[in-house]
Amino acid sequence: MGRHKNAKPIAGYPSRLAAVEALAKQGKNYKEIASELGLDGSAVSANISKLRQDGKLPAAEPQRKLAVSVMLPSPLYRDFERAAELRAITPERLAARLITIITRENLFEAVLDDGGEAAE
């Protein structure tokens, strides 16, 4: 199907639907997408539903949450705080996004650069 005749470019993407698709594939949640694009949550939800229906995004999976506590030395936590502040999110949300992206994109080797060997 072609583009909707009233589609307007937004945030460097040819349409709102394309923008929502790209941001969703980056692992951003509805609230983050809405904030970045200046949309309300219902518009983002409708676009996500359409993208799933069209097969452009995977079907929603049931959410399974695992709560994990990680102790970081203060200097590392301050780095997380700075990086999170730049993205207007909490350090905990930044950590969750990083873990999500590393897992979804199977970037363990790229991040760890350990050849898959056990740590000594």
N, C-alpha and C. Protein backbone atom coordinates (compact mmCIF):
# COMPACT_ATOMS: atom_id res chain seq x y z
N MET A 1 0.83 -1.18 0.00
CA MET A 1 0.00 0.00 0.00
C MET A 1 0.88 1.24 0.00
N GLY A 2 0.40 2.31 -0.62
CA GLY A 2 1.16 3.55 -0.67
C GLY A 2 1.00 4.36 0.59
N ARG A 3 1.74 5.43 0.65
CA ARG A 3 1.63 6.34 1.80
C ARG A 3 0.27 7.00 1.81
N HIS A 4 -0.20 7.28 2.98
CA HIS A 4 -1.45 8.01 3.13
C HIS A 4 -1.27 9.38 2.51
N LYS A 5 -2.25 9.84 1.74
CA LYS A 5 -2.08 11.09 1.01
C LYS A 5 -1.88 12.31 1.92
N ASN A 6 -2.29 12.21 3.19
CA ASN A 6 -2.13 13.34 4.11
C ASN A 6 -0.93 13.17 5.03
N ALA A 7 -0.08 12.18 4.77
CA ALA A 7 1.09 11.96 5.63
C ALA A 7 2.02 13.15 5.53
N LYS A 8 2.47 13.61 6.71
CA LYS A 8 3.38 14.74 6.76
C LYS A 8 4.67 14.31 7.42
N PRO A 9 5.80 14.82 6.93
CA PRO A 9 7.09 14.49 7.57
C PRO A 9 7.09 14.95 9.04
N ILE A 10 7.77 14.16 9.86
CA ILE A 10 7.90 14.50 11.28
C ILE A 10 9.24 13.97 11.78
N ALA A 11 9.97 14.81 12.48
CA ALA A 11 11.25 14.43 13.12
C ALA A 11 12.21 13.75 12.15
N GLY A 12 12.21 14.20 10.89
CA GLY A 12 13.13 13.64 9.90
C GLY A 12 12.63 12.37 9.23
N TYR A 13 11.43 11.93 9.56
CA TYR A 13 10.84 10.75 8.95
C TYR A 13 9.73 11.20 7.99
N PRO A 14 9.44 10.39 6.97
CA PRO A 14 8.44 10.82 5.98
C PRO A 14 7.01 10.90 6.51
N SER A 15 6.74 10.24 7.64
CA SER A 15 5.40 10.26 8.20
C SER A 15 5.45 9.95 9.69
N ARG A 16 4.34 10.22 10.36
CA ARG A 16 4.25 9.90 11.78
C ARG A 16 4.39 8.39 11.99
N LEU A 17 3.76 7.60 11.12
CA LEU A 17 3.83 6.15 11.24
C LEU A 17 5.28 5.66 11.12
N ALA A 18 6.02 6.23 10.16
CA ALA A 18 7.43 5.85 9.99
C ALA A 18 8.25 6.25 11.21
N ALA A 19 7.96 7.40 11.78
CA ALA A 19 8.68 7.87 12.97
C ALA A 19 8.40 6.95 14.16
N VAL A 20 7.14 6.63 14.37
CA VAL A 20 6.77 5.74 15.48
C VAL A 20 7.42 4.38 15.29
N GLU A 21 7.41 3.86 14.07
CA GLU A 21 8.03 2.56 13.80
C GLU A 21 9.52 2.58 14.14
N ALA A 22 10.23 3.61 13.68
CA ALA A 22 11.67 3.69 13.93
C ALA A 22 11.98 3.79 15.41
N LEU A 23 11.25 4.62 16.12
CA LEU A 23 11.51 4.80 17.56
C LEU A 23 11.14 3.55 18.35
N ALA A 24 10.06 2.88 17.95
CA ALA A 24 9.68 1.63 18.62
C ALA A 24 10.75 0.57 18.41
N LYS A 25 11.32 0.52 17.22
CA LYS A 25 12.37 -0.46 16.93
C LYS A 25 13.67 -0.14 17.67
N GLN A 26 13.80 1.11 18.14
CA GLN A 26 14.95 1.49 18.96
C GLN A 26 14.72 1.11 20.42
N GLY A 27 13.55 0.56 20.72
CA GLY A 27 13.26 0.12 22.09
C GLY A 27 12.61 1.17 22.95
N LYS A 28 12.17 2.28 22.35
CA LYS A 28 11.52 3.32 23.14
C LYS A 28 10.09 2.93 23.46
N ASN A 29 9.63 3.32 24.65
CA ASN A 29 8.26 3.00 25.04
C ASN A 29 7.30 4.07 24.53
N TYR A 30 6.01 3.84 24.72
CA TYR A 30 4.98 4.74 24.20
C TYR A 30 5.20 6.18 24.69
N LYS A 31 5.48 6.31 25.97
CA LYS A 31 5.65 7.65 26.56
C LYS A 31 6.84 8.37 25.95
N GLU A 32 7.94 7.66 25.77
CA GLU A 32 9.14 8.27 25.18
C GLU A 32 8.88 8.68 23.73
N ILE A 33 8.18 7.82 22.98
CA ILE A 33 7.86 8.13 21.58
C ILE A 33 6.96 9.36 21.53
N ALA A 34 5.93 9.36 22.36
CA ALA A 34 4.99 10.49 22.38
C ALA A 34 5.73 11.79 22.70
N SER A 35 6.60 11.75 23.69
CA SER A 35 7.34 12.94 24.08
C SER A 35 8.26 13.41 22.96
N GLU A 36 8.98 12.50 22.36
CA GLU A 36 9.94 12.86 21.31
C GLU A 36 9.25 13.44 20.07
N LEU A 37 8.06 12.93 19.77
CA LEU A 37 7.36 13.38 18.56
C LEU A 37 6.30 14.44 18.82
N GLY A 38 6.08 14.76 20.11
CA GLY A 38 5.06 15.75 20.44
C GLY A 38 3.64 15.24 20.20
N LEU A 39 3.44 13.95 20.44
CA LEU A 39 2.14 13.33 20.24
C LEU A 39 1.53 12.94 21.57
N ASP A 40 0.23 12.64 21.57
CA ASP A 40 -0.36 12.10 22.79
C ASP A 40 -0.27 10.57 22.75
N GLY A 41 -0.40 9.97 23.91
CA GLY A 41 -0.23 8.53 24.03
C GLY A 41 -1.19 7.72 23.18
N SER A 42 -2.42 8.22 23.00
CA SER A 42 -3.40 7.47 22.20
C SER A 42 -3.00 7.43 20.73
N ALA A 43 -2.38 8.49 20.24
CA ALA A 43 -1.91 8.50 18.84
C ALA A 43 -0.79 7.48 18.66
N VAL A 44 0.13 7.43 19.62
CA VAL A 44 1.22 6.47 19.55
C VAL A 44 0.66 5.05 19.62
N SER A 45 -0.26 4.82 20.53
CA SER A 45 -0.87 3.50 20.69
C SER A 45 -1.55 3.06 19.39
N ALA A 46 -2.28 3.96 18.75
CA ALA A 46 -2.97 3.63 17.50
C ALA A 46 -1.96 3.29 16.40
N ASN A 47 -0.86 4.05 16.35
CA ASN A 47 0.17 3.79 15.34
C ASN A 47 0.87 2.46 15.60
N ILE A 48 1.17 2.15 16.85
CA ILE A 48 1.80 0.88 17.20
C ILE A 48 0.88 -0.27 16.81
N SER A 49 -0.41 -0.13 17.12
CA SER A 49 -1.37 -1.18 16.76
C SER A 49 -1.40 -1.40 15.26
N LYS A 50 -1.41 -0.34 14.48
CA LYS A 50 -1.42 -0.45 13.02
C LYS A 50 -0.14 -1.12 12.53
N LEU A 51 1.00 -0.73 13.08
CA LEU A 51 2.27 -1.33 12.67
C LEU A 51 2.31 -2.82 12.99
N ARG A 52 1.76 -3.21 14.13
CA ARG A 52 1.70 -4.63 14.49
C ARG A 52 0.76 -5.38 13.54
N GLN A 53 -0.38 -4.76 13.26
CA GLN A 53 -1.36 -5.36 12.36
C GLN A 53 -0.77 -5.55 10.96
N ASP A 54 0.04 -4.60 10.51
CA ASP A 54 0.67 -4.66 9.19
C ASP A 54 1.92 -5.54 9.17
N GLY A 55 2.30 -6.08 10.34
CA GLY A 55 3.47 -6.95 10.43
C GLY A 55 4.80 -6.21 10.45
N LYS A 56 4.75 -4.90 10.66
CA LYS A 56 5.99 -4.11 10.70
C LYS A 56 6.63 -4.09 12.08
N LEU A 57 5.85 -4.43 13.08
CA LEU A 57 6.35 -4.59 14.45
C LEU A 57 5.84 -5.93 14.96
N PRO A 58 6.62 -6.60 15.81
CA PRO A 58 6.15 -7.88 16.35
C PRO A 58 4.94 -7.67 17.26
N ALA A 59 4.14 -8.72 17.35
CA ALA A 59 2.99 -8.68 18.26
C ALA A 59 3.48 -8.45 19.68
N ALA A 60 2.65 -7.80 20.45
CA ALA A 60 3.02 -7.53 21.84
C ALA A 60 3.19 -8.85 22.58
N GLU A 61 4.27 -8.95 23.31
CA GLU A 61 4.52 -10.14 24.12
C GLU A 61 4.05 -9.85 25.54
N PRO A 62 3.58 -10.88 26.21
CA PRO A 62 3.23 -10.66 27.62
C PRO A 62 4.48 -10.19 28.37
N GLN A 63 4.29 -9.20 29.18
CA GLN A 63 5.42 -8.64 29.92
C GLN A 63 5.78 -9.54 31.10
N ARG A 64 7.03 -9.96 31.11
CA ARG A 64 7.56 -10.68 32.27
C ARG A 64 8.63 -9.79 32.85
N LYS A 65 8.48 -9.46 34.08
CA LYS A 65 9.44 -8.55 34.69
C LYS A 65 10.34 -9.30 35.65
N LEU A 66 11.58 -8.96 35.59
CA LEU A 66 12.58 -9.51 36.48
C LEU A 66 13.22 -8.33 37.20
N ALA A 67 13.11 -8.32 38.47
CA ALA A 67 13.71 -7.25 39.25
C ALA A 67 15.11 -7.68 39.65
N VAL A 68 16.07 -6.86 39.31
CA VAL A 68 17.47 -7.16 39.61
C VAL A 68 18.09 -5.92 40.23
N SER A 69 18.83 -6.13 41.27
CA SER A 69 19.57 -5.03 41.89
C SER A 69 21.03 -5.16 41.49
N VAL A 70 21.60 -4.05 41.12
CA VAL A 70 23.02 -4.04 40.74
C VAL A 70 23.69 -2.91 41.53
N MET A 71 24.77 -3.25 42.17
CA MET A 71 25.53 -2.25 42.91
C MET A 71 26.61 -1.68 42.00
N LEU A 72 26.58 -0.38 41.79
CA LEU A 72 27.59 0.29 40.98
C LEU A 72 28.43 1.19 41.88
N PRO A 73 29.72 1.22 41.65
CA PRO A 73 30.53 2.19 42.39
C PRO A 73 30.02 3.61 42.08
N SER A 74 30.15 4.50 43.01
CA SER A 74 29.63 5.87 42.85
C SER A 74 30.05 6.54 41.55
N PRO A 75 31.32 6.46 41.12
CA PRO A 75 31.68 7.13 39.86
C PRO A 75 30.89 6.58 38.66
N LEU A 76 30.65 5.27 38.62
CA LEU A 76 29.88 4.69 37.53
C LEU A 76 28.43 5.14 37.60
N TYR A 77 27.89 5.19 38.80
CA TYR A 77 26.50 5.63 38.94
C TYR A 77 26.36 7.08 38.50
N ARG A 78 27.33 7.91 38.83
CA ARG A 78 27.29 9.32 38.40
C ARG A 78 27.31 9.40 36.87
N ASP A 79 28.09 8.52 36.21
CA ASP A 79 28.09 8.47 34.73
C ASP A 79 26.70 8.09 34.22
N PHE A 80 26.07 7.12 34.87
CA PHE A 80 24.72 6.72 34.49
C PHE A 80 23.75 7.90 34.69
N GLU A 81 23.90 8.60 35.81
CA GLU A 81 23.02 9.75 36.07
C GLU A 81 23.15 10.80 34.98
N ARG A 82 24.38 11.11 34.59
CA ARG A 82 24.60 12.12 33.54
C ARG A 82 24.00 11.67 32.20
N ALA A 83 24.26 10.42 31.83
CA ALA A 83 23.73 9.90 30.57
C ALA A 83 22.21 9.86 30.59
N ALA A 84 21.64 9.50 31.71
CA ALA A 84 20.18 9.43 31.84
C ALA A 84 19.58 10.84 31.78
N GLU A 85 20.22 11.77 32.44
CA GLU A 85 19.72 13.14 32.46
C GLU A 85 19.67 13.72 31.04
N LEU A 86 20.65 13.43 30.23
CA LEU A 86 20.65 13.89 28.84
C LEU A 86 19.46 13.35 28.06
N ARG A 87 18.95 12.19 28.48
CA ARG A 87 17.83 11.54 27.80
C ARG A 87 16.51 11.76 28.53
N ALA A 88 16.56 12.54 29.58
CA ALA A 88 15.37 12.85 30.40
C ALA A 88 14.70 11.59 30.94
N ILE A 89 15.54 10.64 31.39
CA ILE A 89 15.03 9.42 32.02
C ILE A 89 15.84 9.16 33.29
N THR A 90 15.40 8.20 34.07
CA THR A 90 16.13 7.85 35.30
C THR A 90 17.31 6.93 34.95
N PRO A 91 18.31 6.88 35.82
CA PRO A 91 19.42 5.94 35.58
C PRO A 91 18.93 4.50 35.49
N GLU A 92 17.92 4.16 36.28
CA GLU A 92 17.38 2.81 36.25
C GLU A 92 16.73 2.51 34.90
N ARG A 93 16.01 3.49 34.35
CA ARG A 93 15.38 3.32 33.04
C ARG A 93 16.45 3.20 31.95
N LEU A 94 17.52 3.97 32.08
CA LEU A 94 18.63 3.88 31.13
C LEU A 94 19.23 2.48 31.16
N ALA A 95 19.46 1.94 32.35
CA ALA A 95 20.01 0.59 32.48
C ALA A 95 19.07 -0.42 31.84
N ALA A 96 17.77 -0.28 32.07
CA ALA A 96 16.80 -1.19 31.48
C ALA A 96 16.81 -1.09 29.96
N ARG A 97 16.90 0.14 29.43
CA ARG A 97 16.96 0.31 27.96
C ARG A 97 18.21 -0.34 27.39
N LEU A 98 19.34 -0.13 28.05
CA LEU A 98 20.59 -0.73 27.57
C LEU A 98 20.48 -2.25 27.53
N ILE A 99 19.99 -2.83 28.61
CA ILE A 99 19.84 -4.29 28.68
C ILE A 99 18.87 -4.78 27.61
N THR A 100 17.78 -4.04 27.42
CA THR A 100 16.80 -4.42 26.40
C THR A 100 17.42 -4.42 25.01
N ILE A 101 18.13 -3.37 24.67
CA ILE A 101 18.73 -3.26 23.34
C ILE A 101 19.81 -4.31 23.14
N ILE A 102 20.67 -4.50 24.14
CA ILE A 102 21.72 -5.51 24.03
C ILE A 102 21.10 -6.88 23.82
N THR A 103 20.02 -7.18 24.53
CA THR A 103 19.37 -8.48 24.42
C THR A 103 18.65 -8.63 23.08
N ARG A 104 17.82 -7.65 22.72
CA ARG A 104 17.06 -7.73 21.46
C ARG A 104 17.97 -7.85 20.24
N GLU A 105 19.05 -7.09 20.25
CA GLU A 105 19.95 -7.06 19.10
C GLU A 105 21.11 -8.05 19.21
N ASN A 106 21.10 -8.85 20.28
CA ASN A 106 22.15 -9.84 20.53
C ASN A 106 23.54 -9.21 20.42
N LEU A 107 23.75 -8.17 21.20
CA LEU A 107 25.01 -7.42 21.17
C LEU A 107 25.97 -7.80 22.29
N PHE A 108 25.75 -8.95 22.89
CA PHE A 108 26.61 -9.34 24.01
C PHE A 108 28.08 -9.36 23.62
N GLU A 109 28.40 -10.01 22.51
CA GLU A 109 29.80 -10.10 22.07
C GLU A 109 30.38 -8.73 21.76
N ALA A 110 29.59 -7.89 21.09
CA ALA A 110 30.08 -6.56 20.73
C ALA A 110 30.36 -5.72 21.98
N VAL A 111 29.52 -5.84 22.98
CA VAL A 111 29.69 -5.06 24.20
C VAL A 111 30.79 -5.60 25.08
N LEU A 112 30.78 -6.92 25.27
CA LEU A 112 31.74 -7.54 26.19
C LEU A 112 33.10 -7.79 25.56
N ASP A 113 33.13 -8.06 24.25
CA ASP A 113 34.38 -8.31 23.54
C ASP A 113 35.26 -9.34 24.26
N ASP A 114 34.60 -10.42 24.71
CA ASP A 114 35.34 -11.44 25.45
C ASP A 114 35.37 -12.79 24.75
N GLY A 115 34.87 -12.82 23.50
CA GLY A 115 34.86 -14.08 22.76
C GLY A 115 33.92 -15.12 23.35
N GLY A 116 33.02 -14.71 24.22
CA GLY A 116 32.07 -15.64 24.82
C GLY A 116 32.66 -16.52 25.89
N GLU A 117 33.85 -16.17 26.35
CA GLU A 117 34.52 -16.97 27.38
C GLU A 117 34.07 -16.55 28.77
N ALA A 118 34.06 -17.50 29.67
CA ALA A 118 33.69 -17.23 31.06
C ALA A 118 34.73 -16.34 31.71
N ALA A 119 34.28 -15.45 32.55
CA ALA A 119 35.19 -14.59 33.31
C ALA A 119 35.93 -15.44 34.34
N GLU A 120 37.14 -15.09 34.58
CA GLU A 120 37.93 -15.84 35.57
C GLU A 120 37.76 -15.29 36.94
